């Protein structure tokens, strides 16, 4: 069996999908995205060794909107690697309380590593690389990325649980209030030989974006980085390329 992760639907912890459409939620009066101190998501929760492998109920689907404020079409790339992983075109990192939090960038729990692997749970990874197409966004356009915000909280698993010394590892938790940075990487579409004709369906949607139908020989290095501030509660989670 392959390892599963906080981004896979068969764990019940998170799913991520692509959509192009209106933002859900209160977009007229979005909550502020100012940083929040947050609360340690693992405080008093890891009272037994088995608790390091616990799975909490995950929050409802949220959106992150990628904006292109440049003067030319851009591509925004998937940030997760693995076999049959779900696309996510951004990363998230930061703190809740003093706990380090991040969204996984690998579908393989051996790469995190997951705390439960130190409890004798067999983990393996499929030897393949799923390729998700980049999002094509015209100037002034947006692409809406949906995801269920399950993240990894970094902790130290004690020797009493591992029998082999203290181990730094990650526990899957729901994203709560905190101080986070969203980051996306991309490139001008022209640098990659991609134009509107390469869109799935041959055209952009009403938001000025599409998923690309990749040529077999596609290869393009990211040259652009964009970031956005997020506190886990504000409705207007976005990343803007300038």
Foldseek 3Di string as FASTA:
>chain_A
DADADCDDVVVQRKHKAWDADDADDDPVDWDDLPFDLAAQPCVVQPPDLCSLADGDHFDDKAKAKEWEQDQAKKWWAFQAKADPGHGDQKKKWFDHNNWTKIADRYRFCVVQPRSCVLQVDDHHGDPDTDGFFTKIAGNGFMIMIMMGAKIWTWDWRACVRRVPGIDIGTGIDYDDFGKMKMKIWIGGCVQFVDDQCQFDVSHADPRRMGGGNDDPPGDDDTDFMWMDIGGRRTRHNYTYTD
